[in-house]
Amino acid sequence: MMQSSRSSAIAPHTSSRRRNLNRIRRLSRLMDTAFGIPGTKFKVGLDPIIGLIPGAGDAIATAVSAYILILATRFRLPGNVLRQMIFNVLLETAVGTIPVLGDIFDAAYKSNIRNLALLETHLQAEALNENGMDSPRLENEPLHPMDAGLHQP
């Protein structure tokens, strides 16, 4: 029996991979784009808000980002993709430690959304390689940070 190109984008073990991907999506959006700023198209998540807590805030946000990375490794990412994801988290962590400026950077850089886009791009390429043809996006989700609302016009 043939699988649809949509479901094969995260096969084998489709059910657990889909749950894992959806968990990554939810956490990434919660941390980086959960709340719209009224009067603008800009969104922020809990990351810059948690970062305002002296001392522990950046550690908590980094721990959540590290958890997202751990979940992403279940997809057997190529080294270059995993390195870029780690770099994104480390950069946001390092700059995030600077009072005020770091919180603004956290709100703008959105490492978790960037990493989600990297993961989804990898999964799309993996599906294309497995199927030998073009396949639709998983659940019609954006594959590029620009499409995910990372950069605002």
Protein backbone atom coordinates (compact mmCIF):
# COMPACT_ATOMS: atom_id res chain seq x y z
CA MET A 1 0.00 0.00 0.00
CA MET A 2 1.38 3.45 -0.93
CA GLN A 3 1.74 6.16 1.65
CA SER A 4 0.68 9.66 0.80
CA SER A 5 3.52 12.08 0.24
CA ARG A 6 2.21 14.14 3.15
CA SER A 7 2.51 11.34 5.71
CA SER A 8 5.80 10.03 4.34
CA ALA A 9 7.44 13.37 5.05
CA ILE A 10 7.89 12.22 8.63
CA ALA A 11 7.88 8.41 8.20
CA PRO A 12 8.94 5.87 9.50
CA HIS A 13 7.11 5.73 12.83
CA THR A 14 4.82 8.45 11.54
CA SER A 15 2.70 8.75 14.65
CA SER A 16 5.55 9.31 17.11
CA ARG A 17 7.45 11.56 14.69
CA ARG A 18 4.34 13.65 14.08
CA ARG A 19 3.75 14.01 17.87
CA ASN A 20 7.39 14.98 18.33
CA LEU A 21 7.25 17.55 15.52
CA ASN A 22 4.02 19.03 16.87
CA ARG A 23 5.55 19.28 20.36
CA ILE A 24 8.53 21.15 18.85
CA ARG A 25 6.15 23.47 16.96
CA ARG A 26 4.09 24.25 20.07
CA LEU A 27 7.12 24.93 22.27
CA SER A 28 8.89 27.00 19.60
CA ARG A 29 5.85 29.18 19.06
CA LEU A 30 5.20 29.52 22.78
CA MET A 31 8.76 30.67 23.36
CA ASP A 32 9.07 32.97 20.32
CA THR A 33 5.75 34.04 18.77
CA ALA A 34 2.90 33.37 21.19
CA PHE A 35 1.70 36.94 21.63
CA GLY A 36 1.07 39.69 19.11
CA ILE A 37 2.00 43.23 20.06
CA PRO A 38 -1.13 45.37 19.56
CA GLY A 39 -0.89 47.80 16.69
CA THR A 40 1.99 45.92 15.06
CA LYS A 41 2.58 42.69 13.20
CA PHE A 42 5.42 41.82 15.60
CA LYS A 43 5.05 38.79 17.85
CA VAL A 44 6.94 37.78 20.97
CA GLY A 45 6.90 34.67 23.06
CA LEU A 46 7.75 33.75 26.60
CA ASP A 47 11.51 33.75 25.92
CA PRO A 48 12.12 37.53 26.24
CA ILE A 49 9.54 37.76 29.03
CA ILE A 50 11.16 34.98 31.08
CA GLY A 51 14.52 36.57 30.31
CA LEU A 52 13.49 39.58 32.39
CA ILE A 53 13.75 37.47 35.55
CA PRO A 54 17.19 38.30 36.96
CA GLY A 55 19.57 35.36 36.98
CA ALA A 56 17.20 32.47 36.40
CA GLY A 57 15.26 33.82 33.42
CA ASP A 58 17.92 33.22 30.78
CA ALA A 59 18.73 29.81 32.25
CA ILE A 60 15.08 28.74 32.07
CA ALA A 61 14.69 29.96 28.48
CA THR A 62 17.92 28.21 27.46
CA ALA A 63 16.76 24.99 29.13
CA VAL A 64 13.54 25.04 27.09
CA SER A 65 15.53 25.71 23.90
CA ALA A 66 17.88 22.84 24.77
CA TYR A 67 14.87 20.56 25.26
CA ILE A 68 13.60 21.55 21.82
CA LEU A 69 17.04 20.67 20.40
CA ILE A 70 16.92 17.28 22.11
CA LEU A 71 13.51 16.63 20.57
CA ALA A 72 14.85 17.67 17.15
CA THR A 73 17.75 15.20 17.35
CA ARG A 74 15.19 12.39 17.18
CA PHE A 75 14.89 13.23 13.50
CA ARG A 76 18.54 12.30 12.88
CA LEU A 77 19.50 15.69 11.55
CA PRO A 78 22.64 16.09 9.46
CA GLY A 79 25.56 17.61 11.34
CA ASN A 80 25.41 20.96 9.55
CA VAL A 81 21.73 21.45 10.44
CA LEU A 82 22.27 20.45 14.07
CA ARG A 83 25.31 22.75 14.35
CA GLN A 84 23.28 25.68 13.01
CA MET A 85 20.51 24.95 15.48
CA ILE A 86 22.97 24.81 18.38
CA PHE A 87 24.59 28.04 17.16
CA ASN A 88 21.19 29.77 17.11
CA VAL A 89 20.50 28.79 20.74
CA LEU A 90 24.01 29.67 21.93
CA LEU A 91 23.93 33.07 20.21
CA GLU A 92 20.57 33.93 21.72
CA THR A 93 21.78 32.71 25.11
CA ALA A 94 25.01 34.72 24.99
CA VAL A 95 23.44 37.97 23.81
CA GLY A 96 20.43 37.36 26.05
CA THR A 97 22.59 37.75 29.15
CA ILE A 98 23.11 41.45 28.39
CA PRO A 99 20.53 43.42 30.41
CA VAL A 100 17.77 45.03 28.31
CA LEU A 101 19.65 44.69 24.99
CA GLY A 102 19.62 40.91 25.40
CA ASP A 103 15.88 40.86 25.97
CA ILE A 104 15.31 42.94 22.84
CA PHE A 105 17.58 40.57 20.92
CA ASP A 106 15.66 37.56 22.28
CA ALA A 107 12.40 39.08 21.05
CA ALA A 108 13.81 39.76 17.57
CA TYR A 109 16.12 36.79 16.88
CA LYS A 110 13.69 33.97 17.77
CA SER A 111 16.13 31.04 17.79
CA ASN A 112 13.42 28.45 18.37
CA ILE A 113 11.40 29.55 15.33
CA ARG A 114 14.62 29.60 13.28
CA ASN A 115 15.37 26.07 14.45
CA LEU A 116 11.83 24.95 13.66
CA ALA A 117 12.26 26.27 10.11
CA LEU A 118 15.58 24.39 9.79
CA LEU A 119 13.94 21.18 11.01
CA GLU A 120 10.95 21.50 8.70
CA THR A 121 13.19 22.28 5.73
CA HIS A 122 15.22 19.15 6.52
CA LEU A 123 12.07 17.04 6.79
CA GLN A 124 10.77 18.41 3.50
CA ALA A 125 14.06 17.59 1.75
CA GLU A 126 14.04 14.14 3.35
CA ALA A 127 10.53 13.53 2.05
CA LEU A 128 11.48 14.66 -1.44
CA ASN A 129 14.48 12.33 -1.44
CA GLU A 130 12.40 9.39 -0.23
CA ASN A 131 9.53 10.01 -2.63
CA GLY A 132 11.51 11.17 -5.60
CA MET A 133 8.90 13.86 -6.14
CA ASP A 134 7.55 17.08 -4.77
CA SER A 135 5.39 16.68 -1.68
CA PRO A 136 3.24 19.22 0.19
CA ARG A 137 4.36 20.86 3.40
CA LEU A 138 3.58 19.09 6.64
CA GLU A 139 0.21 20.36 7.81
CA ASN A 140 0.68 23.35 5.49
CA GLU A 141 3.20 24.84 7.86
CA PRO A 142 5.77 27.42 6.71
CA LEU A 143 9.22 26.11 5.93
CA HIS A 144 11.07 29.38 5.92
CA PRO A 145 11.55 31.84 8.82
CA MET A 146 10.04 34.62 6.69
CA ASP A 147 6.87 32.55 6.30
CA ALA A 148 6.76 31.72 10.01
CA GLY A 149 6.46 35.38 10.98
CA LEU A 150 10.09 35.62 12.08
CA HIS A 151 10.77 38.80 10.13
CA GLN A 152 8.14 41.44 10.02
CA PRO A 153 7.83 43.91 7.13
